[in-house]
Amino acid sequence: MARAVHEAGTQRVRFTKLESLVLCALRLYYHEQMRLATDQERCAISAGEIRERLIQAGRPAAQLSPRLLAHALRKLARHLLVSIT
């Protein structure tokens, strides 16, 4: 469980369960990539790979439609937590 908190306590936003799970999965992926000790400053993952990781973690595939996943990623991008390319 993790919580992103603004130092001044402003700019609060509520995420859905799916958005929170996607953010946690992305954080785990980031740590896995940084452990490889490559010279890259950024890591990239496809939406399909995120979906597969969430399914392996126990999330039902029916609840992970491409539309819902895209909506969750766009909301995270809107708050500058991820970058969609």
PDB file of N, CA and C in Angstrom:
ATOM      1  N   MET A   1       0.852  -1.170   0.000  1.00  0.00           N
ATOM      2  CA  MET A   1       0.000   0.000   0.000  1.00  0.00           C
ATOM      3  C   MET A   1       0.892   1.225   0.000  1.00  0.00           C
ATOM      4  N   ALA A   2       0.547   2.184  -0.806  1.00  0.00           N
ATOM      5  CA  ALA A   2       1.320   3.416  -0.878  1.00  0.00           C
ATOM      6  C   ALA A   2       0.380   4.599  -1.037  1.00  0.00           C
ATOM      7  N   ARG A   3       0.872   5.741  -0.659  1.00  0.00           N
ATOM      8  CA  ARG A   3       0.077   6.959  -0.801  1.00  0.00           C
ATOM      9  C   ARG A   3       0.995   8.075  -1.275  1.00  0.00           C
ATOM     10  N   ALA A   4       0.574   8.766  -2.305  1.00  0.00           N
ATOM     11  CA  ALA A   4       1.311   9.929  -2.780  1.00  0.00           C
ATOM     12  C   ALA A   4       0.717  11.153  -2.098  1.00  0.00           C
ATOM     13  N   VAL A   5       1.544  11.895  -1.380  1.00  0.00           N
ATOM     14  CA  VAL A   5       1.061  13.030  -0.606  1.00  0.00           C
ATOM     15  C   VAL A   5       1.825  14.284  -1.005  1.00  0.00           C
ATOM     16  N   HIS A   6       1.096  15.344  -1.274  1.00  0.00           N
ATOM     17  CA  HIS A   6       1.719  16.634  -1.573  1.00  0.00           C
ATOM     18  C   HIS A   6       2.266  17.210  -0.275  1.00  0.00           C
ATOM     19  N   GLU A   7       3.471  17.753  -0.317  1.00  0.00           N
ATOM     20  CA  GLU A   7       4.121  18.251   0.893  1.00  0.00           C
ATOM     21  C   GLU A   7       3.303  19.331   1.592  1.00  0.00           C
ATOM     22  N   ALA A   8       2.598  20.151   0.835  1.00  0.00           N
ATOM     23  CA  ALA A   8       1.802  21.221   1.429  1.00  0.00           C
ATOM     24  C   ALA A   8       0.368  20.779   1.724  1.00  0.00           C
ATOM     25  N   GLY A   9       0.034  19.545   1.392  1.00  0.00           N
ATOM     26  CA  GLY A   9      -1.313  19.040   1.653  1.00  0.00           C
ATOM     27  C   GLY A   9      -2.364  19.550   0.688  1.00  0.00           C
ATOM     28  N   THR A  10      -1.947  20.070  -0.448  1.00  0.00           N
ATOM     29  CA  THR A  10      -2.902  20.589  -1.429  1.00  0.00           C
ATOM     30  C   THR A  10      -3.006  19.638  -2.613  1.00  0.00           C
ATOM     31  N   GLN A  11      -3.851  20.012  -3.541  1.00  0.00           N
ATOM     32  CA  GLN A  11      -4.035  19.275  -4.793  1.00  0.00           C
ATOM     33  C   GLN A  11      -4.430  17.819  -4.555  1.00  0.00           C
ATOM     34  N   ARG A  12      -5.433  17.598  -3.765  1.00  0.00           N
ATOM     35  CA  ARG A  12      -5.902  16.243  -3.489  1.00  0.00           C
ATOM     36  C   ARG A  12      -6.707  15.707  -4.660  1.00  0.00           C
ATOM     37  N   VAL A  13      -6.584  14.421  -4.880  1.00  0.00           N
ATOM     38  CA  VAL A  13      -7.347  13.753  -5.929  1.00  0.00           C
ATOM     39  C   VAL A  13      -7.658  12.338  -5.445  1.00  0.00           C
ATOM     40  N   ARG A  14      -8.813  11.843  -5.796  1.00  0.00           N
ATOM     41  CA  ARG A  14      -9.189  10.475  -5.446  1.00  0.00           C
ATOM     42  C   ARG A  14      -9.073   9.603  -6.680  1.00  0.00           C
ATOM     43  N   PHE A  15      -8.451   8.440  -6.504  1.00  0.00           N
ATOM     44  CA  PHE A  15      -8.323   7.478  -7.578  1.00  0.00           C
ATOM     45  C   PHE A  15      -9.246   6.304  -7.301  1.00  0.00           C
ATOM     46  N   THR A  16      -9.732   5.690  -8.372  1.00  0.00           N
ATOM     47  CA  THR A  16     -10.529   4.475  -8.233  1.00  0.00           C
ATOM     48  C   THR A  16      -9.594   3.325  -7.868  1.00  0.00           C
ATOM     49  N   LYS A  17     -10.181   2.195  -7.547  1.00  0.00           N
ATOM     50  CA  LYS A  17      -9.378   1.014  -7.223  1.00  0.00           C
ATOM     51  C   LYS A  17      -8.501   0.604  -8.411  1.00  0.00           C
ATOM     52  N   LEU A  18      -9.072   0.625  -9.606  1.00  0.00           N
ATOM     53  CA  LEU A  18      -8.306   0.250 -10.795  1.00  0.00           C
ATOM     54  C   LEU A  18      -7.141   1.210 -11.021  1.00  0.00           C
ATOM     55  N   GLU A  19      -7.384   2.507 -10.903  1.00  0.00           N
ATOM     56  CA  GLU A  19      -6.316   3.489 -11.082  1.00  0.00           C
ATOM     57  C   GLU A  19      -5.198   3.275 -10.070  1.00  0.00           C
ATOM     58  N   SER A  20      -5.572   2.980  -8.839  1.00  0.00           N
ATOM     59  CA  SER A  20      -4.576   2.719  -7.798  1.00  0.00           C
ATOM     60  C   SER A  20      -3.786   1.451  -8.094  1.00  0.00           C
ATOM     61  N   LEU A  21      -4.462   0.401  -8.557  1.00  0.00           N
ATOM     62  CA  LEU A  21      -3.776  -0.844  -8.893  1.00  0.00           C
ATOM     63  C   LEU A  21      -2.823  -0.653 -10.069  1.00  0.00           C
ATOM     64  N   VAL A  22      -3.245   0.100 -11.059  1.00  0.00           N
ATOM     65  CA  VAL A  22      -2.380   0.375 -12.210  1.00  0.00           C
ATOM     66  C   VAL A  22      -1.146   1.136 -11.744  1.00  0.00           C
ATOM     67  N   LEU A  23      -1.337   2.118 -10.895  1.00  0.00           N
ATOM     68  CA  LEU A  23      -0.211   2.898 -10.396  1.00  0.00           C
ATOM     69  C   LEU A  23       0.757   2.025  -9.598  1.00  0.00           C
ATOM     70  N   CYS A  24       0.245   1.133  -8.777  1.00  0.00           N
ATOM     71  CA  CYS A  24       1.107   0.214  -8.018  1.00  0.00           C
ATOM     72  C   CYS A  24       1.852  -0.743  -8.953  1.00  0.00           C
ATOM     73  N   ALA A  25       1.153  -1.252  -9.971  1.00  0.00           N
ATOM     74  CA  ALA A  25       1.798  -2.160 -10.927  1.00  0.00           C
ATOM     75  C   ALA A  25       2.903  -1.440 -11.689  1.00  0.00           C
ATOM     76  N   LEU A  26       2.665  -0.192 -12.040  1.00  0.00           N
ATOM     77  CA  LEU A  26       3.690   0.586 -12.743  1.00  0.00           C
ATOM     78  C   LEU A  26       4.891   0.853 -11.846  1.00  0.00           C
ATOM     79  N   ARG A  27       4.629   1.096 -10.586  1.00  0.00           N
ATOM     80  CA  ARG A  27       5.731   1.340  -9.642  1.00  0.00           C
ATOM     81  C   ARG A  27       6.587   0.076  -9.477  1.00  0.00           C
ATOM     82  N   LEU A  28       5.932  -1.072  -9.373  1.00  0.00           N
ATOM     83  CA  LEU A  28       6.676  -2.331  -9.280  1.00  0.00           C
ATOM     84  C   LEU A  28       7.512  -2.574 -10.533  1.00  0.00           C
ATOM     85  N   TYR A  29       6.923  -2.310 -11.688  1.00  0.00           N
ATOM     86  CA  TYR A  29       7.649  -2.481 -12.945  1.00  0.00           C
ATOM     87  C   TYR A  29       8.853  -1.543 -12.999  1.00  0.00           C
ATOM     88  N   TYR A  30       8.657  -0.307 -12.552  1.00  0.00           N
ATOM     89  CA  TYR A  30       9.755   0.661 -12.525  1.00  0.00           C
ATOM     90  C   TYR A  30      10.903   0.149 -11.668  1.00  0.00           C
ATOM     91  N   HIS A  31      10.594  -0.363 -10.483  1.00  0.00           N
ATOM     92  CA  HIS A  31      11.646  -0.875  -9.606  1.00  0.00           C
ATOM     93  C   HIS A  31      12.352  -2.087 -10.219  1.00  0.00           C
ATOM     94  N   GLU A  32      11.603  -2.948 -10.897  1.00  0.00           N
ATOM     95  CA  GLU A  32      12.213  -4.094 -11.574  1.00  0.00           C
ATOM     96  C   GLU A  32      13.202  -3.627 -12.642  1.00  0.00           C
ATOM     97  N   GLN A  33      12.818  -2.630 -13.412  1.00  0.00           N
ATOM     98  CA  GLN A  33      13.681  -2.124 -14.477  1.00  0.00           C
ATOM     99  C   GLN A  33      14.909  -1.405 -13.926  1.00  0.00           C
ATOM    100  N   MET A  34      14.743  -0.664 -12.846  1.00  0.00           N
ATOM    101  CA  MET A  34      15.875   0.054 -12.260  1.00  0.00           C
ATOM    102  C   MET A  34      16.855  -0.900 -11.579  1.00  0.00           C
ATOM    103  N   ARG A  35      16.364  -2.044 -11.138  1.00  0.00           N
ATOM    104  CA  ARG A  35      17.238  -3.040 -10.520  1.00  0.00           C
ATOM    105  C   ARG A  35      18.190  -3.654 -11.552  1.00  0.00           C
ATOM    106  N   LEU A  36      17.810  -3.622 -12.807  1.00  0.00           N
ATOM    107  CA  LEU A  36      18.657  -4.158 -13.870  1.00  0.00           C
ATOM    108  C   LEU A  36      19.900  -3.299 -14.094  1.00  0.00           C
ATOM    109  N   ALA A  37      19.921  -2.108 -13.519  1.00  0.00           N
ATOM    110  CA  ALA A  37      21.077  -1.210 -13.559  1.00  0.00           C
ATOM    111  C   ALA A  37      21.513  -0.852 -14.974  1.00  0.00           C
ATOM    112  N   THR A  38      20.564  -0.535 -15.818  1.00  0.00           N
ATOM    113  CA  THR A  38      20.906  -0.066 -17.153  1.00  0.00           C
ATOM    114  C   THR A  38      21.119   1.447 -17.108  1.00  0.00           C
ATOM    115  N   ASP A  39      21.604   2.009 -18.188  1.00  0.00           N
ATOM    116  CA  ASP A  39      21.870   3.442 -18.246  1.00  0.00           C
ATOM    117  C   ASP A  39      20.630   4.268 -18.580  1.00  0.00           C
ATOM    118  N   GLN A  40      19.514   3.622 -18.782  1.00  0.00           N
ATOM    119  CA  GLN A  40      18.296   4.334 -19.142  1.00  0.00           C
ATOM    120  C   GLN A  40      17.722   5.056 -17.931  1.00  0.00           C
ATOM    121  N   GLU A  41      17.265   6.286 -18.156  1.00  0.00           N
ATOM    122  CA  GLU A  41      16.629   7.051 -17.092  1.00  0.00           C
ATOM    123  C   GLU A  41      15.127   6.810 -17.050  1.00  0.00           C
ATOM    124  N   ARG A  42      14.589   6.254 -18.115  1.00  0.00           N
ATOM    125  CA  ARG A  42      13.145   6.031 -18.213  1.00  0.00           C
ATOM    126  C   ARG A  42      12.882   4.560 -18.491  1.00  0.00           C
ATOM    127  N   CYS A  43      11.705   4.126 -18.150  1.00  0.00           N
ATOM    128  CA  CYS A  43      11.304   2.777 -18.531  1.00  0.00           C
ATOM    129  C   CYS A  43       9.937   2.871 -19.208  1.00  0.00           C
ATOM    130  N   ALA A  44       9.669   1.956 -20.102  1.00  0.00           N
ATOM    131  CA  ALA A  44       8.423   1.972 -20.867  1.00  0.00           C
ATOM    132  C   ALA A  44       7.783   0.598 -20.806  1.00  0.00           C
ATOM    133  N   ILE A  45       6.457   0.602 -20.783  1.00  0.00           N
ATOM    134  CA  ILE A  45       5.682  -0.635 -20.763  1.00  0.00           C
ATOM    135  C   ILE A  45       4.416  -0.400 -21.577  1.00  0.00           C
ATOM    136  N   SER A  46       3.966  -1.415 -22.262  1.00  0.00           N
ATOM    137  CA  SER A  46       2.744  -1.273 -23.065  1.00  0.00           C
ATOM    138  C   SER A  46       1.516  -1.502 -22.186  1.00  0.00           C
ATOM    139  N   ALA A  47       0.382  -1.008 -22.657  1.00  0.00           N
ATOM    140  CA  ALA A  47      -0.866  -1.187 -21.924  1.00  0.00           C
ATOM    141  C   ALA A  47      -1.213  -2.674 -21.818  1.00  0.00           C
ATOM    142  N   GLY A  48      -0.880  -3.440 -22.855  1.00  0.00           N
ATOM    143  CA  GLY A  48      -1.135  -4.881 -22.824  1.00  0.00           C
ATOM    144  C   GLY A  48      -0.332  -5.582 -21.740  1.00  0.00           C
ATOM    145  N   GLU A  49       0.919  -5.151 -21.568  1.00  0.00           N
ATOM    146  CA  GLU A  49       1.746  -5.743 -20.513  1.00  0.00           C
ATOM    147  C   GLU A  49       1.213  -5.385 -19.123  1.00  0.00           C
ATOM    148  N   ILE A  50       0.722  -4.160 -18.968  1.00  0.00           N
ATOM    149  CA  ILE A  50       0.121  -3.766 -17.682  1.00  0.00           C
ATOM    150  C   ILE A  50      -1.090  -4.644 -17.402  1.00  0.00           C
ATOM    151  N   ARG A  51      -1.914  -4.835 -18.437  1.00  0.00           N
ATOM    152  CA  ARG A  51      -3.118  -5.671 -18.289  1.00  0.00           C
ATOM    153  C   ARG A  51      -2.739  -7.090 -17.875  1.00  0.00           C
ATOM    154  N   GLU A  52      -1.726  -7.663 -18.530  1.00  0.00           N
ATOM    155  CA  GLU A  52      -1.291  -9.024 -18.198  1.00  0.00           C
ATOM    156  C   GLU A  52      -0.779  -9.117 -16.761  1.00  0.00           C
ATOM    157  N   ARG A  53      -0.041  -8.119 -16.327  1.00  0.00           N
ATOM    158  CA  ARG A  53       0.473  -8.119 -14.951  1.00  0.00           C
ATOM    159  C   ARG A  53      -0.666  -8.057 -13.932  1.00  0.00           C
ATOM    160  N   LEU A  54      -1.693  -7.257 -14.229  1.00  0.00           N
ATOM    161  CA  LEU A  54      -2.827  -7.158 -13.310  1.00  0.00           C
ATOM    162  C   LEU A  54      -3.629  -8.457 -13.282  1.00  0.00           C
ATOM    163  N   ILE A  55      -3.744  -9.123 -14.424  1.00  0.00           N
ATOM    164  CA  ILE A  55      -4.437 -10.408 -14.470  1.00  0.00           C
ATOM    165  C   ILE A  55      -3.657 -11.447 -13.671  1.00  0.00           C
ATOM    166  N   GLN A  56      -2.322 -11.459 -13.825  1.00  0.00           N
ATOM    167  CA  GLN A  56      -1.494 -12.393 -13.058  1.00  0.00           C
ATOM    168  C   GLN A  56      -1.570 -12.118 -11.562  1.00  0.00           C
ATOM    169  N   ALA A  57      -1.832 -10.870 -11.203  1.00  0.00           N
ATOM    170  CA  ALA A  57      -1.938 -10.500  -9.791  1.00  0.00           C
ATOM    171  C   ALA A  57      -3.309 -10.851  -9.215  1.00  0.00           C
ATOM    172  N   GLY A  58      -4.221 -11.339 -10.069  1.00  0.00           N
ATOM    173  CA  GLY A  58      -5.510 -11.787  -9.563  1.00  0.00           C
ATOM    174  C   GLY A  58      -6.703 -10.951  -9.964  1.00  0.00           C
ATOM    175  N   ARG A  59      -6.502  -9.914 -10.725  1.00  0.00           N
ATOM    176  CA  ARG A  59      -7.621  -9.081 -11.172  1.00  0.00           C
ATOM    177  C   ARG A  59      -8.347  -9.812 -12.305  1.00  0.00           C
ATOM    178  N   PRO A  60      -9.672  -9.942 -12.244  1.00  0.00           N
ATOM    179  CA  PRO A  60     -10.411 -10.631 -13.314  1.00  0.00           C
ATOM    180  C   PRO A  60     -10.251  -9.915 -14.658  1.00  0.00           C
ATOM    181  N   ALA A  61     -10.028 -10.681 -15.708  1.00  0.00           N
ATOM    182  CA  ALA A  61      -9.818 -10.118 -17.040  1.00  0.00           C
ATOM    183  C   ALA A  61     -11.027  -9.327 -17.520  1.00  0.00           C
ATOM    184  N   ALA A  62     -12.220  -9.718 -17.094  1.00  0.00           N
ATOM    185  CA  ALA A  62     -13.434  -9.025 -17.513  1.00  0.00           C
ATOM    186  C   ALA A  62     -13.469  -7.588 -16.986  1.00  0.00           C
ATOM    187  N   GLN A  63     -12.770  -7.320 -15.894  1.00  0.00           N
ATOM    188  CA  GLN A  63     -12.749  -5.981 -15.308  1.00  0.00           C
ATOM    189  C   GLN A  63     -11.612  -5.127 -15.864  1.00  0.00           C
ATOM    190  N   LEU A  64     -10.878  -5.656 -16.823  1.00  0.00           N
ATOM    191  CA  LEU A  64      -9.734  -4.941 -17.385  1.00  0.00           C
ATOM    192  C   LEU A  64      -9.884  -4.729 -18.887  1.00  0.00           C
ATOM    193  N   SER A  65     -10.992  -4.177 -19.277  1.00  0.00           N
ATOM    194  CA  SER A  65     -11.196  -3.916 -20.701  1.00  0.00           C
ATOM    195  C   SER A  65     -10.206  -2.847 -21.155  1.00  0.00           C
ATOM    196  N   PRO A  66      -9.843  -2.860 -22.425  1.00  0.00           N
ATOM    197  CA  PRO A  66      -8.914  -1.841 -22.929  1.00  0.00           C
ATOM    198  C   PRO A  66      -9.414  -0.413 -22.687  1.00  0.00           C
ATOM    199  N   ARG A  67     -10.723  -0.222 -22.779  1.00  0.00           N
ATOM    200  CA  ARG A  67     -11.304   1.097 -22.561  1.00  0.00           C
ATOM    201  C   ARG A  67     -11.109   1.567 -21.124  1.00  0.00           C
ATOM    202  N   LEU A  68     -11.370   0.686 -20.148  1.00  0.00           N
ATOM    203  CA  LEU A  68     -11.201   1.048 -18.738  1.00  0.00           C
ATOM    204  C   LEU A  68      -9.740   1.298 -18.393  1.00  0.00           C
ATOM    205  N   LEU A  69      -8.863   0.471 -18.941  1.00  0.00           N
ATOM    206  CA  LEU A  69      -7.439   0.632 -18.685  1.00  0.00           C
ATOM    207  C   LEU A  69      -6.929   1.938 -19.296  1.00  0.00           C
ATOM    208  N   ALA A  70      -7.372   2.265 -20.499  1.00  0.00           N
ATOM    209  CA  ALA A  70      -6.975   3.513 -21.146  1.00  0.00           C
ATOM    210  C   ALA A  70      -7.466   4.715 -20.351  1.00  0.00           C
ATOM    211  N   HIS A  71      -8.689   4.622 -19.833  1.00  0.00           N
ATOM    212  CA  HIS A  71      -9.233   5.719 -19.026  1.00  0.00           C
ATOM    213  C   HIS A  71      -8.395   5.916 -17.758  1.00  0.00           C
ATOM    214  N   ALA A  72      -8.018   4.827 -17.100  1.00  0.00           N
ATOM    215  CA  ALA A  72      -7.204   4.907 -15.888  1.00  0.00           C
ATOM    216  C   ALA A  72      -5.836   5.521 -16.202  1.00  0.00           C
ATOM    217  N   LEU A  73      -5.225   5.110 -17.297  1.00  0.00           N
ATOM    218  CA  LEU A  73      -3.915   5.650 -17.674  1.00  0.00           C
ATOM    219  C   LEU A  73      -3.999   7.130 -18.037  1.00  0.00           C
ATOM    220  N   ARG A  74      -5.068   7.527 -18.710  1.00  0.00           N
ATOM    221  CA  ARG A  74      -5.229   8.945 -19.052  1.00  0.00           C
ATOM    222  C   ARG A  74      -5.392   9.797 -17.797  1.00  0.00           C
ATOM    223  N   LYS A  75      -6.106   9.287 -16.809  1.00  0.00           N
ATOM    224  CA  LYS A  75      -6.271  10.052 -15.566  1.00  0.00           C
ATOM    225  C   LYS A  75      -4.937  10.179 -14.834  1.00  0.00           C
ATOM    226  N   LEU A  76      -4.151   9.112 -14.801  1.00  0.00           N
ATOM    227  CA  LEU A  76      -2.830   9.179 -14.176  1.00  0.00           C
ATOM    228  C   LEU A  76      -1.922  10.143 -14.943  1.00  0.00           C
ATOM    229  N   ALA A  77      -2.043  10.170 -16.265  1.00  0.00           N
ATOM    230  CA  ALA A  77      -1.241  11.093 -17.074  1.00  0.00           C
ATOM    231  C   ALA A  77      -1.668  12.538 -16.837  1.00  0.00           C
ATOM    232  N   ARG A  78      -2.952  12.761 -16.634  1.00  0.00           N
ATOM    233  CA  ARG A  78      -3.468  14.094 -16.370  1.00  0.00           C
ATOM    234  C   ARG A  78      -2.856  14.685 -15.092  1.00  0.00           C
ATOM    235  N   HIS A  79      -2.528  13.811 -14.148  1.00  0.00           N
ATOM    236  CA  HIS A  79      -1.924  14.249 -12.878  1.00  0.00           C
ATOM    237  C   HIS A  79      -0.392  14.108 -12.895  1.00  0.00           C
ATOM    238  N   LEU A  80       0.151  13.906 -14.092  1.00  0.00           N
ATOM    239  CA  LEU A  80       1.608  13.840 -14.313  1.00  0.00           C
ATOM    240  C   LEU A  80       2.287  12.707 -13.554  1.00  0.00           C
ATOM    241  N   LEU A  81       1.572  11.608 -13.359  1.00  0.00           N
ATOM    242  CA  LEU A  81       2.153  10.432 -12.702  1.00  0.00           C
ATOM    243  C   LEU A  81       2.738   9.459 -13.728  1.00  0.00           C
ATOM    244  N   VAL A  82       2.215   9.487 -14.938  1.00  0.00           N
ATOM    245  CA  VAL A  82       2.739   8.663 -16.028  1.00  0.00           C
ATOM    246  C   VAL A  82       2.774   9.519 -17.292  1.00  0.00           C
ATOM    247  N   SER A  83       3.480   9.022 -18.280  1.00  0.00           N
ATOM    248  CA  SER A  83       3.548   9.690 -19.577  1.00  0.00           C
ATOM    249  C   SER A  83       3.113   8.688 -20.634  1.00  0.00           C
ATOM    250  N   ILE A  84       2.149   9.056 -21.437  1.00  0.00           N
ATOM    251  CA  ILE A  84       1.633   8.174 -22.488  1.00  0.00           C
ATOM    252  C   ILE A  84       2.260   8.584 -23.807  1.00  0.00           C
ATOM    253  N   THR A  85       2.888   7.614 -24.465  1.00  0.00           N
ATOM    254  CA  THR A  85       3.500   7.908 -25.775  1.00  0.00           C
ATOM    255  C   THR A  85       2.960   6.981 -26.828  1.00  0.00           C
TER     256      THR A  85
END
